[in-house]
């Protein structure tokens, strides 16, 4: 997202090799979703990079947030199920002694 000349704030898609854009990979626990730090130094883009004004894009951005949170909740639920199963197995082994 960036300020535009007269349209307020816009949502843009930039090529990774855009002049003035620096991409620095970051460490993450999730190897399937790599993270990067982006730095912008006077990046100039054409009107073809504008996806839309920010106000119109917010519903789509919110939908993406909901989907990512849903995925994370599912992963956490699986970790809890596995932890409970492991704890039950350990208790059962102790009772067999």
C-alpha atoms as a PDB file:
ATOM      1  CA  UNK A   1       0.000   0.000   0.000  1.00  0.00           C
ATOM      2  CA  UNK A   2       1.257   3.450  -0.821  1.00  0.00           C
ATOM      3  CA  UNK A   3       0.008   6.984  -1.279  1.00  0.00           C
ATOM      4  CA  UNK A   4      -0.896   7.909  -4.822  1.00  0.00           C
ATOM      5  CA  UNK A   5      -0.811  11.310  -6.449  1.00  0.00           C
ATOM      6  CA  UNK A   6      -4.487  12.126  -6.168  1.00  0.00           C
ATOM      7  CA  UNK A   7      -6.337   8.885  -5.434  1.00  0.00           C
ATOM      8  CA  UNK A   8      -5.346   8.663  -1.758  1.00  0.00           C
ATOM      9  CA  UNK A   9      -3.932   5.284  -0.766  1.00  0.00           C
ATOM     10  CA  UNK A  10      -3.630   2.515  -3.327  1.00  0.00           C
ATOM     11  CA  UNK A  11      -2.790  -1.166  -3.303  1.00  0.00           C
ATOM     12  CA  UNK A  12       0.032  -2.042  -5.712  1.00  0.00           C
ATOM     13  CA  UNK A  13       1.625  -5.201  -7.100  1.00  0.00           C
ATOM     14  CA  UNK A  14       5.351  -4.763  -7.678  1.00  0.00           C
ATOM     15  CA  UNK A  15       7.818  -7.003  -9.472  1.00  0.00           C
ATOM     16  CA  UNK A  16      10.464  -8.354  -7.107  1.00  0.00           C
ATOM     17  CA  UNK A  17      13.192  -6.625  -9.108  1.00  0.00           C
ATOM     18  CA  UNK A  18      11.579  -3.156  -9.075  1.00  0.00           C
ATOM     19  CA  UNK A  19      14.214  -0.392  -8.757  1.00  0.00           C
ATOM     20  CA  UNK A  20      14.391   0.817  -5.158  1.00  0.00           C
ATOM     21  CA  UNK A  21      12.786  -2.321  -3.696  1.00  0.00           C
ATOM     22  CA  UNK A  22      15.036  -4.333  -1.373  1.00  0.00           C
ATOM     23  CA  UNK A  23      14.002  -7.792  -0.208  1.00  0.00           C
ATOM     24  CA  UNK A  24      15.689  -9.376   2.814  1.00  0.00           C
ATOM     25  CA  UNK A  25      14.691 -12.973   3.714  1.00  0.00           C
ATOM     26  CA  UNK A  26      13.733 -13.524   7.357  1.00  0.00           C
ATOM     27  CA  UNK A  27      13.905 -16.650   9.499  1.00  0.00           C
ATOM     28  CA  UNK A  28      10.588 -18.352  10.102  1.00  0.00           C
ATOM     29  CA  UNK A  29       9.387 -21.525  11.789  1.00  0.00           C
ATOM     30  CA  UNK A  30       6.995 -22.153   8.896  1.00  0.00           C
ATOM     31  CA  UNK A  31       9.096 -23.424   5.987  1.00  0.00           C
ATOM     32  CA  UNK A  32       6.045 -23.473   3.702  1.00  0.00           C
ATOM     33  CA  UNK A  33       5.382 -19.749   4.117  1.00  0.00           C
ATOM     34  CA  UNK A  34       8.678 -17.864   3.901  1.00  0.00           C
ATOM     35  CA  UNK A  35       8.831 -14.315   5.227  1.00  0.00           C
ATOM     36  CA  UNK A  36      10.758 -11.333   3.904  1.00  0.00           C
ATOM     37  CA  UNK A  37      11.393  -7.786   5.018  1.00  0.00           C
ATOM     38  CA  UNK A  38      10.704  -5.250   2.279  1.00  0.00           C
ATOM     39  CA  UNK A  39      12.378  -1.838   2.092  1.00  0.00           C
ATOM     40  CA  UNK A  40      11.220   0.850  -0.297  1.00  0.00           C
ATOM     41  CA  UNK A  41      13.503   3.660  -1.426  1.00  0.00           C
ATOM     42  CA  UNK A  42      11.749   5.952  -3.898  1.00  0.00           C
ATOM     43  CA  UNK A  43      10.130   3.108  -5.783  1.00  0.00           C
ATOM     44  CA  UNK A  44       8.379   4.403  -8.884  1.00  0.00           C
ATOM     45  CA  UNK A  45       5.612   2.329 -10.433  1.00  0.00           C
ATOM     46  CA  UNK A  46       3.324   2.745 -13.382  1.00  0.00           C
ATOM     47  CA  UNK A  47      -0.446   2.884 -13.272  1.00  0.00           C
ATOM     48  CA  UNK A  48      -0.539  -0.758 -14.423  1.00  0.00           C
ATOM     49  CA  UNK A  49       0.770  -1.803 -10.975  1.00  0.00           C
ATOM     50  CA  UNK A  50      -2.236  -0.250  -9.194  1.00  0.00           C
ATOM     51  CA  UNK A  51      -4.645  -2.984  -8.091  1.00  0.00           C
ATOM     52  CA  UNK A  52      -7.144  -0.566  -6.645  1.00  0.00           C
ATOM     53  CA  UNK A  53      -7.742   2.022  -3.990  1.00  0.00           C
ATOM     54  CA  UNK A  54      -7.163   0.813  -0.459  1.00  0.00           C
ATOM     55  CA  UNK A  55     -10.735   1.322   0.730  1.00  0.00           C
ATOM     56  CA  UNK A  56     -12.007  -1.129  -1.896  1.00  0.00           C
ATOM     57  CA  UNK A  57      -9.220  -3.632  -1.181  1.00  0.00           C
ATOM     58  CA  UNK A  58      -9.808  -3.921   2.599  1.00  0.00           C
ATOM     59  CA  UNK A  59     -12.564  -6.567   2.348  1.00  0.00           C
ATOM     60  CA  UNK A  60     -10.195  -8.812   0.352  1.00  0.00           C
ATOM     61  CA  UNK A  61      -7.338  -8.205   2.784  1.00  0.00           C
ATOM     62  CA  UNK A  62      -9.647  -9.024   5.714  1.00  0.00           C
ATOM     63  CA  UNK A  63     -10.715 -12.254   3.988  1.00  0.00           C
ATOM     64  CA  UNK A  64      -7.070 -13.308   3.611  1.00  0.00           C
ATOM     65  CA  UNK A  65      -6.491 -12.598   7.317  1.00  0.00           C
ATOM     66  CA  UNK A  66      -9.461 -14.789   8.243  1.00  0.00           C
ATOM     67  CA  UNK A  67      -8.191 -17.649   6.073  1.00  0.00           C
ATOM     68  CA  UNK A  68      -4.675 -17.500   7.550  1.00  0.00           C
ATOM     69  CA  UNK A  69      -6.095 -17.447  11.092  1.00  0.00           C
ATOM     70  CA  UNK A  70      -8.305 -20.432  10.270  1.00  0.00           C
ATOM     71  CA  UNK A  71      -5.269 -22.352   9.034  1.00  0.00           C
ATOM     72  CA  UNK A  72      -3.344 -21.506  12.212  1.00  0.00           C
ATOM     73  CA  UNK A  73      -6.236 -22.587  14.445  1.00  0.00           C
ATOM     74  CA  UNK A  74      -6.389 -25.914  12.599  1.00  0.00           C
ATOM     75  CA  UNK A  75      -2.654 -26.443  13.116  1.00  0.00           C
ATOM     76  CA  UNK A  76      -2.936 -25.589  16.814  1.00  0.00           C
ATOM     77  CA  UNK A  77      -5.858 -28.000  17.195  1.00  0.00           C
ATOM     78  CA  UNK A  78      -3.792 -30.820  15.667  1.00  0.00           C
ATOM     79  CA  UNK A  79      -0.889 -30.045  18.047  1.00  0.00           C
ATOM     80  CA  UNK A  80      -3.294 -30.197  21.000  1.00  0.00           C
ATOM     81  CA  UNK A  81      -4.758 -33.530  19.820  1.00  0.00           C
ATOM     82  CA  UNK A  82      -1.271 -35.014  19.431  1.00  0.00           C
ATOM     83  CA  UNK A  83      -0.200 -33.731  22.858  1.00  0.00           C
ATOM     84  CA  UNK A  84      -3.273 -35.211  24.559  1.00  0.00           C
ATOM     85  CA  UNK A  85      -2.739 -38.557  22.796  1.00  0.00           C
ATOM     86  CA  UNK A  86       0.907 -38.624  23.897  1.00  0.00           C
ATOM     87  CA  UNK A  87      -0.003 -37.753  27.498  1.00  0.00           C
ATOM     88  CA  UNK A  88      -2.647 -40.505  27.611  1.00  0.00           C
ATOM     89  CA  UNK A  89      -0.155 -43.043  26.265  1.00  0.00           C
ATOM     90  CA  UNK A  90       2.435 -42.066  28.895  1.00  0.00           C
ATOM     91  CA  UNK A  91      -0.121 -42.397  31.713  1.00  0.00           C
ATOM     92  CA  UNK A  92      -1.231 -45.793  30.409  1.00  0.00           C
ATOM     93  CA  UNK A  93       2.401 -46.993  30.365  1.00  0.00           C
ATOM     94  CA  UNK A  94       2.925 -45.813  33.954  1.00  0.00           C
ATOM     95  CA  UNK A  95      -0.207 -47.641  35.095  1.00  0.00           C
ATOM     96  CA  UNK A  96       1.030 -50.877  33.451  1.00  0.00           C
ATOM     97  CA  UNK A  97       4.181 -50.814  35.627  1.00  0.00           C
END
